[in-house]
Amino acid sequence: KKTTFVPENDEKINEERIKELQEVLIKQGFE
């Protein structure tokens, strides 16, 4: 983002996937 255009949708998908994986792993006892 400092030098190039990054599609907002790419970041959004990445952040959604982070949240999903965090939730799954926390539910499985990896908090």
Full PDB file with SEQRES, HELIX, SHEET, SSBOND, CRYST1, ORIGX, SCALE, CONECT and MASTER records, all heavy atoms in Angstrom:
SEQRES   1 A   31  LYS LYS THR THR PHE VAL PRO GLU ASN ASP GLU LYS ILE          
SEQRES   2 A   31  ASN GLU GLU ARG ILE LYS GLU LEU GLN GLU VAL LEU ILE          
SEQRES   3 A   31  LYS GLN GLY PHE GLU                                          
HELIX    1 AA1 GLU A    8  LYS A   27  1                                  20    
CRYST1    1.000    1.000    1.000  90.00  90.00  90.00 P 1           1          
ORIGX1      1.000000  0.000000  0.000000        0.00000                         
ORIGX2      0.000000  1.000000  0.000000        0.00000                         
ORIGX3      0.000000  0.000000  1.000000        0.00000                         
SCALE1      1.000000  0.000000  0.000000        0.00000                         
SCALE2      0.000000  1.000000  0.000000        0.00000                         
SCALE3      0.000000  0.000000  1.000000        0.00000                         
ATOM      1  N   LYS A   1       0.820  -1.219   0.000  1.00  0.00           N  
ATOM      2  CA  LYS A   1       0.000   0.000   0.000  1.00  0.00           C  
ATOM      3  C   LYS A   1       0.853   1.269   0.000  1.00  0.00           C  
ATOM      4  O   LYS A   1       0.399   2.309  -0.441  1.00  0.00           O  
ATOM      5  CB  LYS A   1      -0.946   0.019   1.191  1.00  0.00           C  
ATOM      6  CG  LYS A   1      -2.120  -0.921   1.005  1.00  0.00           C  
ATOM      7  CD  LYS A   1      -3.258  -0.703   1.974  1.00  0.00           C  
ATOM      8  CE  LYS A   1      -2.894  -0.746   3.403  1.00  0.00           C  
ATOM      9  NZ  LYS A   1      -4.060  -0.752   4.304  1.00  0.00           N  
ATOM     10  N   LYS A   2       2.073   1.148   0.436  1.00  0.00           N  
ATOM     11  CA  LYS A   2       2.958   2.313   0.461  1.00  0.00           C  
ATOM     12  C   LYS A   2       3.407   2.719  -0.937  1.00  0.00           C  
ATOM     13  O   LYS A   2       3.746   3.869  -1.169  1.00  0.00           O  
ATOM     14  CB  LYS A   2       4.182   2.028   1.336  1.00  0.00           C  
ATOM     15  CG  LYS A   2       3.833   1.861   2.803  1.00  0.00           C  
ATOM     16  CD  LYS A   2       5.053   1.486   3.605  1.00  0.00           C  
ATOM     17  CE  LYS A   2       4.672   1.226   5.051  1.00  0.00           C  
ATOM     18  NZ  LYS A   2       5.785   0.718   5.843  1.00  0.00           N  
ATOM     19  N   THR A   3       3.423   1.738  -1.858  1.00  0.00           N  
ATOM     20  CA  THR A   3       3.955   2.021  -3.192  1.00  0.00           C  
ATOM     21  C   THR A   3       3.026   1.634  -4.338  1.00  0.00           C  
ATOM     22  O   THR A   3       3.262   2.036  -5.476  1.00  0.00           O  
ATOM     23  CB  THR A   3       5.290   1.267  -3.408  1.00  0.00           C  
ATOM     24  OG1 THR A   3       5.055  -0.129  -3.272  1.00  0.00           O  
ATOM     25  CG2 THR A   3       6.342   1.735  -2.419  1.00  0.00           C  
ATOM     26  N   THR A   4       2.011   0.846  -4.039  1.00  0.00           N  
ATOM     27  CA  THR A   4       1.177   0.265  -5.090  1.00  0.00           C  
ATOM     28  C   THR A   4      -0.275   0.260  -4.629  1.00  0.00           C  
ATOM     29  O   THR A   4      -0.568   0.284  -3.439  1.00  0.00           O  
ATOM     30  CB  THR A   4       1.601  -1.201  -5.356  1.00  0.00           C  
ATOM     31  OG1 THR A   4       3.005  -1.260  -5.528  1.00  0.00           O  
ATOM     32  CG2 THR A   4       0.922  -1.784  -6.562  1.00  0.00           C  
ATOM     33  N   PHE A   5      -1.156   0.124  -5.577  1.00  0.00           N  
ATOM     34  CA  PHE A   5      -2.573  -0.034  -5.260  1.00  0.00           C  
ATOM     35  C   PHE A   5      -2.840  -1.482  -4.861  1.00  0.00           C  
ATOM     36  O   PHE A   5      -2.437  -2.410  -5.555  1.00  0.00           O  
ATOM     37  CB  PHE A   5      -3.442   0.332  -6.477  1.00  0.00           C  
ATOM     38  CG  PHE A   5      -4.890   0.012  -6.293  1.00  0.00           C  
ATOM     39  CD1 PHE A   5      -5.685   0.799  -5.477  1.00  0.00           C  
ATOM     40  CD2 PHE A   5      -5.455  -1.082  -6.908  1.00  0.00           C  
ATOM     41  CE1 PHE A   5      -7.017   0.507  -5.286  1.00  0.00           C  
ATOM     42  CE2 PHE A   5      -6.792  -1.393  -6.732  1.00  0.00           C  
ATOM     43  CZ  PHE A   5      -7.577  -0.592  -5.914  1.00  0.00           C  
ATOM     44  N   VAL A   6      -3.486  -1.656  -3.734  1.00  0.00           N  
ATOM     45  CA  VAL A   6      -3.889  -2.985  -3.283  1.00  0.00           C  
ATOM     46  C   VAL A   6      -5.415  -3.005  -3.274  1.00  0.00           C  
ATOM     47  O   VAL A   6      -6.036  -2.201  -2.584  1.00  0.00           O  
ATOM     48  CB  VAL A   6      -3.361  -3.297  -1.867  1.00  0.00           C  
ATOM     49  CG1 VAL A   6      -3.885  -4.636  -1.383  1.00  0.00           C  
ATOM     50  CG2 VAL A   6      -1.846  -3.265  -1.845  1.00  0.00           C  
ATOM     51  N   PRO A   7      -6.025  -3.888  -4.044  1.00  0.00           N  
ATOM     52  CA  PRO A   7      -7.491  -3.947  -4.047  1.00  0.00           C  
ATOM     53  C   PRO A   7      -8.044  -4.171  -2.642  1.00  0.00           C  
ATOM     54  O   PRO A   7      -7.595  -5.062  -1.918  1.00  0.00           O  
ATOM     55  CB  PRO A   7      -7.802  -5.144  -4.944  1.00  0.00           C  
ATOM     56  CG  PRO A   7      -6.588  -5.321  -5.784  1.00  0.00           C  
ATOM     57  CD  PRO A   7      -5.431  -4.869  -4.928  1.00  0.00           C  
ATOM     58  N   GLU A   8      -8.975  -3.334  -2.267  1.00  0.00           N  
ATOM     59  CA  GLU A   8      -9.569  -3.411  -0.936  1.00  0.00           C  
ATOM     60  C   GLU A   8     -10.175  -4.784  -0.687  1.00  0.00           C  
ATOM     61  O   GLU A   8     -10.121  -5.313   0.425  1.00  0.00           O  
ATOM     62  CB  GLU A   8     -10.638  -2.323  -0.804  1.00  0.00           C  
ATOM     63  CG  GLU A   8     -11.197  -2.183   0.589  1.00  0.00           C  
ATOM     64  CD  GLU A   8     -12.181  -1.037   0.673  1.00  0.00           C  
ATOM     65  OE1 GLU A   8     -11.850   0.076   0.239  1.00  0.00           O  
ATOM     66  OE2 GLU A   8     -13.287  -1.282   1.184  1.00  0.00           O  
ATOM     67  N   ASN A   9     -10.733  -5.362  -1.717  1.00  0.00           N  
ATOM     68  CA  ASN A   9     -11.363  -6.666  -1.577  1.00  0.00           C  
ATOM     69  C   ASN A   9     -10.356  -7.748  -1.171  1.00  0.00           C  
ATOM     70  O   ASN A   9     -10.688  -8.643  -0.400  1.00  0.00           O  
ATOM     71  CB  ASN A   9     -12.068  -7.046  -2.884  1.00  0.00           C  
ATOM     72  CG  ASN A   9     -13.153  -8.067  -2.676  1.00  0.00           C  
ATOM     73  OD1 ASN A   9     -13.855  -8.043  -1.667  1.00  0.00           O  
ATOM     74  ND2 ASN A   9     -13.286  -8.966  -3.620  1.00  0.00           N  
ATOM     75  N   ASP A  10      -9.136  -7.670  -1.667  1.00  0.00           N  
ATOM     76  CA  ASP A  10      -8.102  -8.646  -1.297  1.00  0.00           C  
ATOM     77  C   ASP A  10      -7.816  -8.578   0.199  1.00  0.00           C  
ATOM     78  O   ASP A  10      -7.730  -9.601   0.872  1.00  0.00           O  
ATOM     79  CB  ASP A  10      -6.809  -8.397  -2.076  1.00  0.00           C  
ATOM     80  CG  ASP A  10      -6.922  -8.745  -3.554  1.00  0.00           C  
ATOM     81  OD1 ASP A  10      -7.982  -9.266  -3.973  1.00  0.00           O  
ATOM     82  OD2 ASP A  10      -5.952  -8.484  -4.284  1.00  0.00           O  
ATOM     83  N   GLU A  11      -7.681  -7.367   0.694  1.00  0.00           N  
ATOM     84  CA  GLU A  11      -7.434  -7.195   2.133  1.00  0.00           C  
ATOM     85  C   GLU A  11      -8.623  -7.684   2.949  1.00  0.00           C  
ATOM     86  O   GLU A  11      -8.454  -8.338   3.977  1.00  0.00           O  
ATOM     87  CB  GLU A  11      -7.185  -5.726   2.464  1.00  0.00           C  
ATOM     88  CG  GLU A  11      -5.772  -5.283   2.243  1.00  0.00           C  
ATOM     89  CD  GLU A  11      -5.562  -3.884   2.770  1.00  0.00           C  
ATOM     90  OE1 GLU A  11      -6.064  -2.931   2.149  1.00  0.00           O  
ATOM     91  OE2 GLU A  11      -4.903  -3.765   3.812  1.00  0.00           O  
ATOM     92  N   LYS A  12      -9.804  -7.369   2.486  1.00  0.00           N  
ATOM     93  CA  LYS A  12     -11.020  -7.759   3.205  1.00  0.00           C  
ATOM     94  C   LYS A  12     -11.133  -9.283   3.292  1.00  0.00           C  
ATOM     95  O   LYS A  12     -11.432  -9.824   4.362  1.00  0.00           O  
ATOM     96  CB  LYS A  12     -12.249  -7.170   2.510  1.00  0.00           C  
ATOM     97  CG  LYS A  12     -13.538  -7.463   3.216  1.00  0.00           C  
ATOM     98  CD  LYS A  12     -14.718  -6.839   2.490  1.00  0.00           C  
ATOM     99  CE  LYS A  12     -16.010  -7.215   3.201  1.00  0.00           C  
ATOM    100  NZ  LYS A  12     -17.180  -6.792   2.499  1.00  0.00           N  
ATOM    101  N   ILE A  13     -10.895  -9.957   2.195  1.00  0.00           N  
ATOM    102  CA  ILE A  13     -10.953 -11.421   2.184  1.00  0.00           C  
ATOM    103  C   ILE A  13      -9.904 -11.991   3.138  1.00  0.00           C  
ATOM    104  O   ILE A  13     -10.184 -12.926   3.900  1.00  0.00           O  
ATOM    105  CB  ILE A  13     -10.766 -11.973   0.753  1.00  0.00           C  
ATOM    106  CG1 ILE A  13     -11.979 -11.620  -0.100  1.00  0.00           C  
ATOM    107  CG2 ILE A  13     -10.511 -13.479   0.767  1.00  0.00           C  
ATOM    108  CD1 ILE A  13     -11.806 -11.865  -1.586  1.00  0.00           C  
ATOM    109  N   ASN A  14      -8.707 -11.447   3.116  1.00  0.00           N  
ATOM    110  CA  ASN A  14      -7.637 -11.900   4.006  1.00  0.00           C  
ATOM    111  C   ASN A  14      -8.058 -11.741   5.467  1.00  0.00           C  
ATOM    112  O   ASN A  14      -7.898 -12.660   6.272  1.00  0.00           O  
ATOM    113  CB  ASN A  14      -6.349 -11.127   3.714  1.00  0.00           C  
ATOM    114  CG  ASN A  14      -5.128 -11.765   4.333  1.00  0.00           C  
ATOM    115  OD1 ASN A  14      -4.738 -12.858   3.959  1.00  0.00           O  
ATOM    116  ND2 ASN A  14      -4.527 -11.070   5.292  1.00  0.00           N  
ATOM    117  N   GLU A  15      -8.623 -10.577   5.806  1.00  0.00           N  
ATOM    118  CA  GLU A  15      -9.035 -10.320   7.187  1.00  0.00           C  
ATOM    119  C   GLU A  15     -10.184 -11.234   7.605  1.00  0.00           C  
ATOM    120  O   GLU A  15     -10.207 -11.717   8.750  1.00  0.00           O  
ATOM    121  CB  GLU A  15      -9.422  -8.852   7.367  1.00  0.00           C  
ATOM    122  CG  GLU A  15      -8.257  -7.892   7.240  1.00  0.00           C  
ATOM    123  CD  GLU A  15      -7.108  -8.193   8.198  1.00  0.00           C  
ATOM    124  OE1 GLU A  15      -7.363  -8.468   9.400  1.00  0.00           O  
ATOM    125  OE2 GLU A  15      -5.945  -8.177   7.751  1.00  0.00           O  
ATOM    126  N   GLU A  16     -11.106 -11.492   6.696  1.00  0.00           N  
ATOM    127  CA  GLU A  16     -12.213 -12.408   7.010  1.00  0.00           C  
ATOM    128  C   GLU A  16     -11.702 -13.814   7.262  1.00  0.00           C  
ATOM    129  O   GLU A  16     -12.146 -14.496   8.188  1.00  0.00           O  
ATOM    130  CB  GLU A  16     -13.237 -12.425   5.870  1.00  0.00           C  
ATOM    131  CG  GLU A  16     -14.056 -11.159   5.780  1.00  0.00           C  
ATOM    132  CD  GLU A  16     -14.941 -11.091   4.537  1.00  0.00           C  
ATOM    133  OE1 GLU A  16     -14.913 -12.029   3.706  1.00  0.00           O  
ATOM    134  OE2 GLU A  16     -15.653 -10.086   4.401  1.00  0.00           O  
ATOM    135  N   ARG A  17     -10.759 -14.231   6.467  1.00  0.00           N  
ATOM    136  CA  ARG A  17     -10.171 -15.569   6.628  1.00  0.00           C  
ATOM    137  C   ARG A  17      -9.399 -15.674   7.943  1.00  0.00           C  
ATOM    138  O   ARG A  17      -9.440 -16.700   8.619  1.00  0.00           O  
ATOM    139  CB  ARG A  17      -9.265 -15.881   5.433  1.00  0.00           C  
ATOM    140  CG  ARG A  17      -8.813 -17.286   5.380  1.00  0.00           C  
ATOM    141  CD  ARG A  17      -9.958 -18.258   5.068  1.00  0.00           C  
ATOM    142  NE  ARG A  17      -9.422 -19.599   5.065  1.00  0.00           N  
ATOM    143  CZ  ARG A  17      -9.836 -20.586   5.854  1.00  0.00           C  
ATOM    144  NH1 ARG A  17     -10.845 -20.409   6.642  1.00  0.00           N  
ATOM    145  NH2 ARG A  17      -9.264 -21.769   5.813  1.00  0.00           N  
ATOM    146  N   ILE A  18      -8.688 -14.603   8.319  1.00  0.00           N  
ATOM    147  CA  ILE A  18      -7.990 -14.574   9.610  1.00  0.00           C  
ATOM    148  C   ILE A  18      -9.001 -14.784  10.737  1.00  0.00           C  
ATOM    149  O   ILE A  18      -8.800 -15.621  11.623  1.00  0.00           O  
ATOM    150  CB  ILE A  18      -7.213 -13.251   9.797  1.00  0.00           C  
ATOM    151  CG1 ILE A  18      -5.960 -13.244   8.924  1.00  0.00           C  
ATOM    152  CG2 ILE A  18      -6.833 -13.036  11.267  1.00  0.00           C  
ATOM    153  CD1 ILE A  18      -5.214 -11.920   8.891  1.00  0.00           C  
ATOM    154  N   LYS A  19     -10.068 -14.023  10.695  1.00  0.00           N  
ATOM    155  CA  LYS A  19     -11.095 -14.114  11.742  1.00  0.00           C  
ATOM    156  C   LYS A  19     -11.691 -15.522  11.811  1.00  0.00           C  
ATOM    157  O   LYS A  19     -11.861 -16.079  12.899  1.00  0.00           O  
ATOM    158  CB  LYS A  19     -12.190 -13.079  11.489  1.00  0.00           C  
ATOM    159  CG  LYS A  19     -13.224 -13.023  12.563  1.00  0.00           C  
ATOM    160  CD  LYS A  19     -14.248 -11.936  12.303  1.00  0.00           C  
ATOM    161  CE  LYS A  19     -15.302 -11.969  13.389  1.00  0.00           C  
ATOM    162  NZ  LYS A  19     -16.322 -10.962  13.221  1.00  0.00           N  
ATOM    163  N   GLU A  20     -12.000 -16.104  10.652  1.00  0.00           N  
ATOM    164  CA  GLU A  20     -12.575 -17.451  10.612  1.00  0.00           C  
ATOM    165  C   GLU A  20     -11.627 -18.481  11.235  1.00  0.00           C  
ATOM    166  O   GLU A  20     -12.047 -19.319  12.043  1.00  0.00           O  
ATOM    167  CB  GLU A  20     -12.879 -17.863   9.173  1.00  0.00           C  
ATOM    168  CG  GLU A  20     -14.028 -17.132   8.545  1.00  0.00           C  
ATOM    169  CD  GLU A  20     -14.142 -17.392   7.049  1.00  0.00           C  
ATOM    170  OE1 GLU A  20     -13.376 -18.233   6.505  1.00  0.00           O  
ATOM    171  OE2 GLU A  20     -14.983 -16.746   6.408  1.00  0.00           O  
ATOM    172  N   LEU A  21     -10.362 -18.421  10.840  1.00  0.00           N  
ATOM    173  CA  LEU A  21      -9.397 -19.378  11.380  1.00  0.00           C  
ATOM    174  C   LEU A  21      -9.184 -19.179  12.881  1.00  0.00           C  
ATOM    175  O   LEU A  21      -9.069 -20.154  13.632  1.00  0.00           O  
ATOM    176  CB  LEU A  21      -8.063 -19.275  10.641  1.00  0.00           C  
ATOM    177  CG  LEU A  21      -7.980 -20.024   9.324  1.00  0.00           C  
ATOM    178  CD1 LEU A  21      -6.707 -19.663   8.568  1.00  0.00           C  
ATOM    179  CD2 LEU A  21      -8.050 -21.521   9.531  1.00  0.00           C  
ATOM    180  N   GLN A  22      -9.144 -17.938  13.323  1.00  0.00           N  
ATOM    181  CA  GLN A  22      -9.003 -17.676  14.753  1.00  0.00           C  
ATOM    182  C   GLN A  22     -10.166 -18.297  15.520  1.00  0.00           C  
ATOM    183  O   GLN A  22      -9.965 -18.952  16.543  1.00  0.00           O  
ATOM    184  CB  GLN A  22      -8.943 -16.166  15.030  1.00  0.00           C  
ATOM    185  CG  GLN A  22      -7.646 -15.529  14.623  1.00  0.00           C  
ATOM    186  CD  GLN A  22      -7.692 -14.017  14.693  1.00  0.00           C  
ATOM    187  OE1 GLN A  22      -8.737 -13.388  14.510  1.00  0.00           O  
ATOM    188  NE2 GLN A  22      -6.531 -13.410  14.940  1.00  0.00           N  
ATOM    189  N   GLU A  23     -11.386 -18.107  15.028  1.00  0.00           N  
ATOM    190  CA  GLU A  23     -12.567 -18.657  15.694  1.00  0.00           C  
ATOM    191  C   GLU A  23     -12.508 -20.177  15.760  1.00  0.00           C  
ATOM    192  O   GLU A  23     -12.780 -20.769  16.814  1.00  0.00           O  
ATOM    193  CB  GLU A  23     -13.838 -18.199  14.987  1.00  0.00           C  
ATOM    194  CG  GLU A  23     -14.144 -16.735  15.183  1.00  0.00           C  
ATOM    195  CD  GLU A  23     -15.308 -16.227  14.338  1.00  0.00           C  
ATOM    196  OE1 GLU A  23     -15.933 -17.028  13.601  1.00  0.00           O  
ATOM    197  OE2 GLU A  23     -15.607 -15.023  14.422  1.00  0.00           O  
ATOM    198  N   VAL A  24     -12.159 -20.818  14.655  1.00  0.00           N  
ATOM    199  CA  VAL A  24     -12.077 -22.282  14.623  1.00  0.00           C  
ATOM    200  C   VAL A  24     -11.035 -22.777  15.618  1.00  0.00           C  
ATOM    201  O   VAL A  24     -11.291 -23.709  16.402  1.00  0.00           O  
ATOM    202  CB  VAL A  24     -11.740 -22.778  13.192  1.00  0.00           C  
ATOM    203  CG1 VAL A  24     -11.305 -24.239  13.190  1.00  0.00           C  
ATOM    204  CG2 VAL A  24     -12.918 -22.562  12.255  1.00  0.00           C  
ATOM    205  N   LEU A  25      -9.871 -22.175  15.600  1.00  0.00           N  
ATOM    206  CA  LEU A  25      -8.788 -22.630  16.472  1.00  0.00           C  
ATOM    207  C   LEU A  25      -9.091 -22.365  17.947  1.00  0.00           C  
ATOM    208  O   LEU A  25      -8.771 -23.195  18.800  1.00  0.00           O  
ATOM    209  CB  LEU A  25      -7.467 -21.985  16.040  1.00  0.00           C  
ATOM    210  CG  LEU A  25      -6.934 -22.520  14.712  1.00  0.00           C  
ATOM    211  CD1 LEU A  25      -5.849 -21.599  14.158  1.00  0.00           C  
ATOM    212  CD2 LEU A  25      -6.422 -23.940  14.862  1.00  0.00           C  
ATOM    213  N   ILE A  26      -9.720 -21.259  18.244  1.00  0.00           N  
ATOM    214  CA  ILE A  26     -10.099 -20.970  19.634  1.00  0.00           C  
ATOM    215  C   ILE A  26     -11.116 -22.007  20.109  1.00  0.00           C  
ATOM    216  O   ILE A  26     -10.997 -22.543  21.221  1.00  0.00           O  
ATOM    217  CB  ILE A  26     -10.635 -19.527  19.771  1.00  0.00           C  
ATOM    218  CG1 ILE A  26      -9.469 -18.537  19.631  1.00  0.00           C  
ATOM    219  CG2 ILE A  26     -11.363 -19.338  21.100  1.00  0.00           C  
ATOM    220  CD1 ILE A  26      -9.895 -17.094  19.478  1.00  0.00           C  
ATOM    221  N   LYS A  27     -12.099 -22.319  19.279  1.00  0.00           N  
ATOM    222  CA  LYS A  27     -13.108 -23.330  19.641  1.00  0.00           C  
ATOM    223  C   LYS A  27     -12.475 -24.697  19.882  1.00  0.00           C  
ATOM    224  O   LYS A  27     -12.997 -25.496  20.660  1.00  0.00           O  
ATOM    225  CB  LYS A  27     -14.173 -23.443  18.551  1.00  0.00           C  
ATOM    226  CG  LYS A  27     -15.153 -22.309  18.553  1.00  0.00           C  
ATOM    227  CD  LYS A  27     -16.187 -22.471  17.448  1.00  0.00           C  
ATOM    228  CE  LYS A  27     -17.107 -21.259  17.400  1.00  0.00           C  
ATOM    229  NZ  LYS A  27     -18.050 -21.314  16.278  1.00  0.00           N  
ATOM    230  N   GLN A  28     -11.371 -24.970  19.221  1.00  0.00           N  
ATOM    231  CA  GLN A  28     -10.691 -26.260  19.371  1.00  0.00           C  
ATOM    232  C   GLN A  28      -9.647 -26.253  20.484  1.00  0.00           C  
ATOM    233  O   GLN A  28      -8.898 -27.217  20.636  1.00  0.00           O  
ATOM    234  CB  GLN A  28     -10.054 -26.686  18.044  1.00  0.00           C  
ATOM    235  CG  GLN A  28     -11.065 -26.972  16.960  1.00  0.00           C  
ATOM    236  CD  GLN A  28     -12.031 -28.088  17.346  1.00  0.00           C  
ATOM    237  OE1 GLN A  28     -11.647 -29.089  17.927  1.00  0.00           O  
ATOM    238  NE2 GLN A  28     -13.298 -27.889  17.018  1.00  0.00           N  
ATOM    239  N   GLY A  29      -9.563 -25.159  21.238  1.00  0.00           N  
ATOM    240  CA  GLY A  29      -8.686 -25.123  22.409  1.00  0.00           C  
ATOM    241  C   GLY A  29      -7.289 -24.580  22.173  1.00  0.00           C  
ATOM    242  O   GLY A  29      -6.402 -24.798  22.992  1.00  0.00           O  
ATOM    243  N   PHE A  30      -7.096 -23.848  21.100  1.00  0.00           N  
ATOM    244  CA  PHE A  30      -5.761 -23.337  20.777  1.00  0.00           C  
ATOM    245  C   PHE A  30      -5.574 -21.858  21.136  1.00  0.00           C  
ATOM    246  O   PHE A  30      -4.611 -21.238  20.705  1.00  0.00           O  
ATOM    247  CB  PHE A  30      -5.468 -23.524  19.278  1.00  0.00           C  
ATOM    248  CG  PHE A  30      -5.304 -24.961  18.883  1.00  0.00           C  
ATOM    249  CD1 PHE A  30      -6.388 -25.704  18.429  1.00  0.00           C  
ATOM    250  CD2 PHE A  30      -4.075 -25.587  18.972  1.00  0.00           C  
ATOM    251  CE1 PHE A  30      -6.251 -27.033  18.062  1.00  0.00           C  
ATOM    252  CE2 PHE A  30      -3.923 -26.922  18.609  1.00  0.00           C  
ATOM    253  CZ  PHE A  30      -5.013 -27.646  18.156  1.00  0.00           C  
ATOM    254  N   GLU A  31      -6.483 -21.311  21.930  1.00  0.00           N  
ATOM    255  CA  GLU A  31      -6.419 -19.883  22.236  1.00  0.00           C  
ATOM    256  C   GLU A  31      -5.085 -19.483  22.864  1.00  0.00           C  
ATOM    257  O   GLU A  31      -4.480 -18.485  22.460  1.00  0.00           O  
ATOM    258  CB  GLU A  31      -7.570 -19.477  23.153  1.00  0.00           C  
ATOM    259  CG  GLU A  31      -7.605 -17.986  23.436  1.00  0.00           C  
ATOM    260  CD  GLU A  31      -8.844 -17.553  24.189  1.00  0.00           C  
ATOM    261  OE1 GLU A  31      -9.662 -18.409  24.594  1.00  0.00           O  
ATOM    262  OE2 GLU A  31      -9.002 -16.337  24.367  1.00  0.00           O  
TER     263      GLU A  31                                                      
MASTER        0    0    0    1    0    0    0    6  262    1    0    3          
END                                                                             
